[in-house]
Amino acid sequence: MKNPAILALSLCAVALFAASCKSQESAYRQAYERARAQEMNKPTQTVTIIPQNTQPQPVQPAPVQQPAAPVVQRTVVVEEDNTPVRTIQGEKRVIDGEPLKAFSVVVGSFVNETNARGMMNTLRNRGYAARVMKTNETINGHTGWYRVVASSFSSKSQAVQSKNSLRDTYPGAWILGN
């Protein structure tokens, strides 16, 4: 018998609380009407500004200057070749393709030979003399990496140019020094 009585009293308390929290439309309307009445009863003040000098001033046109002829300066920027060249310690041998020259552009590194050959074939179809090189490096616990070389050159500057041309397709390309 106690439980239904407590439940009924609780529901009544919640209903009274909810009803007392509601805003009444009439209360809003009364507040609006009071504010409007106060605004209407305020005296208004009008300010009139009278200019002292009523004579119009003549406007002087600004002198027109001819634009100067454009000056053309040409600046030639000579970039210092500071592209890093990596080396690989240990044995490295080309398993498919021509021998490497002094500087090579590496575009891919794989643990799986099939993946390396797939990238090499893609590069060859695009006109590069690509090759796959096997190394005995240990990186992240894997020994025996297959490096995909897109091109190989005798000079570093040629390798840098080749790497820059491959930058859009292979942003991680790097130069290997032999």
C-alpha atoms as a PDB file:
ATOM      1  CA  MET A   1       0.000   0.000   0.000  1.00  0.00           C
ATOM      2  CA  LYS A   2       2.901   2.287   0.627  1.00  0.00           C
ATOM      3  CA  ASN A   3       4.321   1.928  -2.890  1.00  0.00           C
ATOM      4  CA  PRO A   4       1.216   3.157  -4.783  1.00  0.00           C
ATOM      5  CA  ALA A   5       0.853   6.082  -2.381  1.00  0.00           C
ATOM      6  CA  ILE A   6       4.489   7.110  -2.851  1.00  0.00           C
ATOM      7  CA  LEU A   7       4.130   6.725  -6.599  1.00  0.00           C
ATOM      8  CA  ALA A   8       0.998   8.890  -6.643  1.00  0.00           C
ATOM      9  CA  LEU A   9       2.612  11.605  -4.530  1.00  0.00           C
ATOM     10  CA  SER A  10       5.701  11.580  -6.746  1.00  0.00           C
ATOM     11  CA  LEU A  11       3.609  11.998  -9.886  1.00  0.00           C
ATOM     12  CA  CYS A  12       1.703  14.894  -8.307  1.00  0.00           C
ATOM     13  CA  ALA A  13       4.944  16.597  -7.312  1.00  0.00           C
ATOM     14  CA  VAL A  14       6.346  16.232 -10.845  1.00  0.00           C
ATOM     15  CA  ALA A  15       3.115  17.576 -12.359  1.00  0.00           C
ATOM     16  CA  LEU A  16       3.116  20.620 -10.059  1.00  0.00           C
ATOM     17  CA  PHE A  17       6.775  21.297 -10.750  1.00  0.00           C
ATOM     18  CA  ALA A  18       6.273  21.048 -14.515  1.00  0.00           C
ATOM     19  CA  ALA A  19       3.215  23.307 -14.408  1.00  0.00           C
ATOM     20  CA  SER A  20       4.975  25.958 -12.349  1.00  0.00           C
ATOM     21  CA  CYS A  21       7.922  26.103 -14.760  1.00  0.00           C
ATOM     22  CA  LYS A  22       5.826  26.798 -17.843  1.00  0.00           C
ATOM     23  CA  SER A  23       5.775  30.349 -19.106  1.00  0.00           C
ATOM     24  CA  GLN A  24       2.343  31.785 -19.619  1.00  0.00           C
ATOM     25  CA  GLU A  25       1.518  33.599 -22.831  1.00  0.00           C
ATOM     26  CA  SER A  26      -0.340  36.220 -20.871  1.00  0.00           C
ATOM     27  CA  ALA A  27       2.783  37.022 -18.836  1.00  0.00           C
ATOM     28  CA  TYR A  28       4.763  37.597 -22.027  1.00  0.00           C
ATOM     29  CA  ARG A  29       1.992  39.763 -23.459  1.00  0.00           C
ATOM     30  CA  GLN A  30       1.839  41.908 -20.288  1.00  0.00           C
ATOM     31  CA  ALA A  31       5.606  42.458 -20.294  1.00  0.00           C
ATOM     32  CA  TYR A  32       5.491  43.425 -23.976  1.00  0.00           C
ATOM     33  CA  GLU A  33       2.660  45.877 -23.415  1.00  0.00           C
ATOM     34  CA  ARG A  34       4.478  47.527 -20.475  1.00  0.00           C
ATOM     35  CA  ALA A  35       7.678  47.955 -22.485  1.00  0.00           C
ATOM     36  CA  ARG A  36       5.755  49.399 -25.400  1.00  0.00           C
ATOM     37  CA  ALA A  37       3.939  51.861 -23.142  1.00  0.00           C
ATOM     38  CA  GLN A  38       7.212  53.041 -21.597  1.00  0.00           C
ATOM     39  CA  GLU A  39       8.679  53.561 -25.042  1.00  0.00           C
ATOM     40  CA  MET A  40       5.690  55.615 -26.151  1.00  0.00           C
ATOM     41  CA  ASN A  41       5.853  57.830 -23.035  1.00  0.00           C
ATOM     42  CA  LYS A  42       9.508  58.736 -23.527  1.00  0.00           C
ATOM     43  CA  PRO A  43      10.043  62.250 -24.737  1.00  0.00           C
ATOM     44  CA  THR A  44      11.828  62.328 -28.054  1.00  0.00           C
ATOM     45  CA  GLN A  45      14.621  64.739 -28.717  1.00  0.00           C
ATOM     46  CA  THR A  46      15.249  66.072 -32.197  1.00  0.00           C
ATOM     47  CA  VAL A  47      18.647  67.418 -33.132  1.00  0.00           C
ATOM     48  CA  THR A  48      18.984  69.687 -36.129  1.00  0.00           C
ATOM     49  CA  ILE A  49      22.387  70.414 -37.589  1.00  0.00           C
ATOM     50  CA  ILE A  50      22.753  73.659 -39.462  1.00  0.00           C
ATOM     51  CA  PRO A  51      25.881  74.038 -41.556  1.00  0.00           C
ATOM     52  CA  GLN A  52      27.775  77.294 -40.946  1.00  0.00           C
ATOM     53  CA  ASN A  53      29.189  77.724 -44.424  1.00  0.00           C
ATOM     54  CA  THR A  54      26.475  77.271 -47.009  1.00  0.00           C
ATOM     55  CA  GLN A  55      28.677  78.286 -49.957  1.00  0.00           C
ATOM     56  CA  PRO A  56      29.652  75.299 -52.123  1.00  0.00           C
ATOM     57  CA  GLN A  57      33.406  74.841 -52.439  1.00  0.00           C
ATOM     58  CA  PRO A  58      34.791  74.322 -55.946  1.00  0.00           C
ATOM     59  CA  VAL A  59      36.391  70.953 -56.410  1.00  0.00           C
ATOM     60  CA  GLN A  60      39.866  70.943 -57.941  1.00  0.00           C
ATOM     61  CA  PRO A  61      40.443  67.975 -60.277  1.00  0.00           C
ATOM     62  CA  ALA A  62      43.483  65.917 -59.380  1.00  0.00           C
ATOM     63  CA  PRO A  63      46.276  66.046 -61.928  1.00  0.00           C
ATOM     64  CA  VAL A  64      46.364  62.950 -64.107  1.00  0.00           C
ATOM     65  CA  GLN A  65      49.723  61.253 -64.334  1.00  0.00           C
ATOM     66  CA  GLN A  66      50.634  58.866 -67.082  1.00  0.00           C
ATOM     67  CA  PRO A  67      51.646  55.456 -65.769  1.00  0.00           C
ATOM     68  CA  ALA A  68      55.324  54.723 -66.112  1.00  0.00           C
ATOM     69  CA  ALA A  69      56.410  52.052 -68.534  1.00  0.00           C
ATOM     70  CA  PRO A  70      56.586  48.684 -66.807  1.00  0.00           C
ATOM     71  CA  VAL A  71      60.029  47.622 -65.746  1.00  0.00           C
ATOM     72  CA  VAL A  72      60.840  44.043 -66.608  1.00  0.00           C
ATOM     73  CA  GLN A  73      63.400  42.351 -64.451  1.00  0.00           C
ATOM     74  CA  ARG A  74      64.503  38.823 -64.984  1.00  0.00           C
ATOM     75  CA  THR A  75      65.940  36.903 -62.134  1.00  0.00           C
ATOM     76  CA  VAL A  76      67.639  33.625 -62.746  1.00  0.00           C
ATOM     77  CA  VAL A  77      67.696  31.377 -59.720  1.00  0.00           C
ATOM     78  CA  VAL A  78      70.503  28.893 -59.669  1.00  0.00           C
ATOM     79  CA  GLU A  79      69.632  26.149 -57.263  1.00  0.00           C
ATOM     80  CA  GLU A  80      72.414  24.580 -55.342  1.00  0.00           C
ATOM     81  CA  ASP A  81      72.299  20.830 -55.761  1.00  0.00           C
ATOM     82  CA  ASN A  82      71.779  19.673 -52.211  1.00  0.00           C
ATOM     83  CA  THR A  83      69.569  16.688 -52.982  1.00  0.00           C
ATOM     84  CA  PRO A  84      70.465  13.906 -50.556  1.00  0.00           C
ATOM     85  CA  VAL A  85      71.987  10.733 -51.946  1.00  0.00           C
ATOM     86  CA  ARG A  86      71.489   7.523 -49.983  1.00  0.00           C
ATOM     87  CA  THR A  87      73.744   4.517 -50.025  1.00  0.00           C
ATOM     88  CA  ILE A  88      72.963   0.898 -49.223  1.00  0.00           C
ATOM     89  CA  GLN A  89      75.398  -1.098 -47.129  1.00  0.00           C
ATOM     90  CA  GLY A  90      75.934  -4.727 -48.016  1.00  0.00           C
ATOM     91  CA  GLU A  91      75.284  -6.697 -51.145  1.00  0.00           C
ATOM     92  CA  LYS A  92      73.059  -5.327 -53.892  1.00  0.00           C
ATOM     93  CA  ARG A  93      72.542  -6.871 -57.297  1.00  0.00           C
ATOM     94  CA  VAL A  94      70.287  -6.181 -60.268  1.00  0.00           C
ATOM     95  CA  ILE A  95      68.049  -9.191 -60.861  1.00  0.00           C
ATOM     96  CA  ASP A  96      66.139  -7.804 -63.852  1.00  0.00           C
ATOM     97  CA  GLY A  97      67.411  -5.050 -66.131  1.00  0.00           C
ATOM     98  CA  GLU A  98      70.604  -3.227 -67.043  1.00  0.00           C
ATOM     99  CA  PRO A  99      73.452  -2.654 -64.541  1.00  0.00           C
ATOM    100  CA  LEU A 100      73.261   0.430 -62.342  1.00  0.00           C
ATOM    101  CA  LYS A 101      75.280   3.570 -63.009  1.00  0.00           C
ATOM    102  CA  ALA A 102      76.635   5.971 -60.360  1.00  0.00           C
ATOM    103  CA  PHE A 103      73.260   7.565 -59.444  1.00  0.00           C
ATOM    104  CA  SER A 104      69.888   5.799 -59.580  1.00  0.00           C
ATOM    105  CA  VAL A 105      66.334   6.959 -58.915  1.00  0.00           C
ATOM    106  CA  VAL A 106      64.541   4.502 -56.618  1.00  0.00           C
ATOM    107  CA  VAL A 107      60.736   4.727 -56.727  1.00  0.00           C
ATOM    108  CA  GLY A 108      59.667   1.644 -54.789  1.00  0.00           C
ATOM    109  CA  SER A 109      60.819  -0.782 -52.082  1.00  0.00           C
ATOM    110  CA  PHE A 110      59.177  -4.166 -51.616  1.00  0.00           C
ATOM    111  CA  VAL A 111      59.644  -7.317 -49.575  1.00  0.00           C
ATOM    112  CA  ASN A 112      57.764  -9.254 -52.270  1.00  0.00           C
ATOM    113  CA  GLU A 113      59.565  -9.720 -55.615  1.00  0.00           C
ATOM    114  CA  THR A 114      56.279 -10.009 -57.546  1.00  0.00           C
ATOM    115  CA  ASN A 115      55.184  -6.548 -56.421  1.00  0.00           C
ATOM    116  CA  ALA A 116      58.555  -5.087 -57.413  1.00  0.00           C
ATOM    117  CA  ARG A 117      58.349  -6.655 -60.871  1.00  0.00           C
ATOM    118  CA  GLY A 118      54.817  -5.298 -61.297  1.00  0.00           C
ATOM    119  CA  MET A 119      55.985  -1.745 -60.641  1.00  0.00           C
ATOM    120  CA  MET A 120      58.987  -2.280 -62.930  1.00  0.00           C
ATOM    121  CA  ASN A 121      56.668  -3.377 -65.780  1.00  0.00           C
ATOM    122  CA  THR A 122      54.467  -0.320 -65.228  1.00  0.00           C
ATOM    123  CA  LEU A 123      57.508   1.949 -65.508  1.00  0.00           C
ATOM    124  CA  ARG A 124      58.757   0.147 -68.617  1.00  0.00           C
ATOM    125  CA  ASN A 125      55.341   0.615 -70.242  1.00  0.00           C
ATOM    126  CA  ARG A 126      55.738   4.353 -69.581  1.00  0.00           C
ATOM    127  CA  GLY A 127      59.126   4.417 -71.338  1.00  0.00           C
ATOM    128  CA  TYR A 128      61.546   4.126 -68.422  1.00  0.00           C
ATOM    129  CA  ALA A 129      64.513   1.728 -68.393  1.00  0.00           C
ATOM    130  CA  ALA A 130      63.346   0.332 -65.064  1.00  0.00           C
ATOM    131  CA  ARG A 131      65.034  -2.520 -63.219  1.00  0.00           C
ATOM    132  CA  VAL A 132      64.699  -4.465 -59.975  1.00  0.00           C
ATOM    133  CA  MET A 133      67.581  -4.646 -57.524  1.00  0.00           C
ATOM    134  CA  LYS A 134      67.800  -7.027 -54.542  1.00  0.00           C
ATOM    135  CA  THR A 135      69.551  -5.896 -51.365  1.00  0.00           C
ATOM    136  CA  ASN A 136      70.491  -7.644 -48.135  1.00  0.00           C
ATOM    137  CA  GLU A 137      69.301  -4.771 -45.932  1.00  0.00           C
ATOM    138  CA  THR A 138      67.292  -5.370 -42.788  1.00  0.00           C
ATOM    139  CA  ILE A 139      64.527  -2.802 -42.297  1.00  0.00           C
ATOM    140  CA  ASN A 140      61.731  -3.220 -39.742  1.00  0.00           C
ATOM    141  CA  GLY A 141      62.715  -6.837 -39.204  1.00  0.00           C
ATOM    142  CA  HIS A 142      62.622  -7.759 -42.908  1.00  0.00           C
ATOM    143  CA  THR A 143      65.831  -8.774 -44.666  1.00  0.00           C
ATOM    144  CA  GLY A 144      66.167  -8.857 -48.440  1.00  0.00           C
ATOM    145  CA  TRP A 145      64.400  -5.886 -50.006  1.00  0.00           C
ATOM    146  CA  TYR A 146      63.575  -5.480 -53.694  1.00  0.00           C
ATOM    147  CA  ARG A 147      64.183  -1.923 -54.888  1.00  0.00           C
ATOM    148  CA  VAL A 148      62.568  -0.655 -58.095  1.00  0.00           C
ATOM    149  CA  VAL A 149      64.927   1.671 -59.952  1.00  0.00           C
ATOM    150  CA  ALA A 150      63.205   3.867 -62.555  1.00  0.00           C
ATOM    151  CA  SER A 151      66.388   5.250 -64.120  1.00  0.00           C
ATOM    152  CA  SER A 152      70.142   5.308 -63.595  1.00  0.00           C
ATOM    153  CA  PHE A 153      72.662   7.997 -64.615  1.00  0.00           C
ATOM    154  CA  SER A 154      76.366   8.805 -64.524  1.00  0.00           C
ATOM    155  CA  SER A 155      75.779  12.313 -63.115  1.00  0.00           C
ATOM    156  CA  LYS A 156      73.869  13.419 -60.069  1.00  0.00           C
ATOM    157  CA  SER A 157      72.220  16.336 -61.888  1.00  0.00           C
ATOM    158  CA  GLN A 158      70.607  13.987 -64.425  1.00  0.00           C
ATOM    159  CA  ALA A 159      69.343  11.774 -61.599  1.00  0.00           C
ATOM    160  CA  VAL A 160      67.882  14.810 -59.804  1.00  0.00           C
ATOM    161  CA  GLN A 161      66.066  15.885 -62.987  1.00  0.00           C
ATOM    162  CA  SER A 162      64.648  12.396 -63.423  1.00  0.00           C
ATOM    163  CA  LYS A 163      63.537  12.263 -59.769  1.00  0.00           C
ATOM    164  CA  ASN A 164      61.827  15.649 -60.122  1.00  0.00           C
ATOM    165  CA  SER A 165      59.957  14.493 -63.236  1.00  0.00           C
ATOM    166  CA  LEU A 166      58.752  11.406 -61.325  1.00  0.00           C
ATOM    167  CA  ARG A 167      57.754  13.429 -58.236  1.00  0.00           C
ATOM    168  CA  ASP A 168      54.038  13.669 -59.117  1.00  0.00           C
ATOM    169  CA  THR A 169      53.591   9.936 -59.655  1.00  0.00           C
ATOM    170  CA  TYR A 170      56.106   8.721 -57.068  1.00  0.00           C
ATOM    171  CA  PRO A 171      56.424  11.367 -54.314  1.00  0.00           C
ATOM    172  CA  GLY A 172      58.684   9.125 -52.212  1.00  0.00           C
ATOM    173  CA  ALA A 173      61.339   8.732 -54.933  1.00  0.00           C
ATOM    174  CA  TRP A 174      64.952   9.055 -53.770  1.00  0.00           C
ATOM    175  CA  ILE A 175      68.463   8.915 -55.228  1.00  0.00           C
ATOM    176  CA  LEU A 176      70.752   5.962 -54.602  1.00  0.00           C
ATOM    177  CA  GLY A 177      74.495   6.439 -54.927  1.00  0.00           C
ATOM    178  CA  ASN A 178      76.483   3.380 -56.005  1.00  0.00           C
END
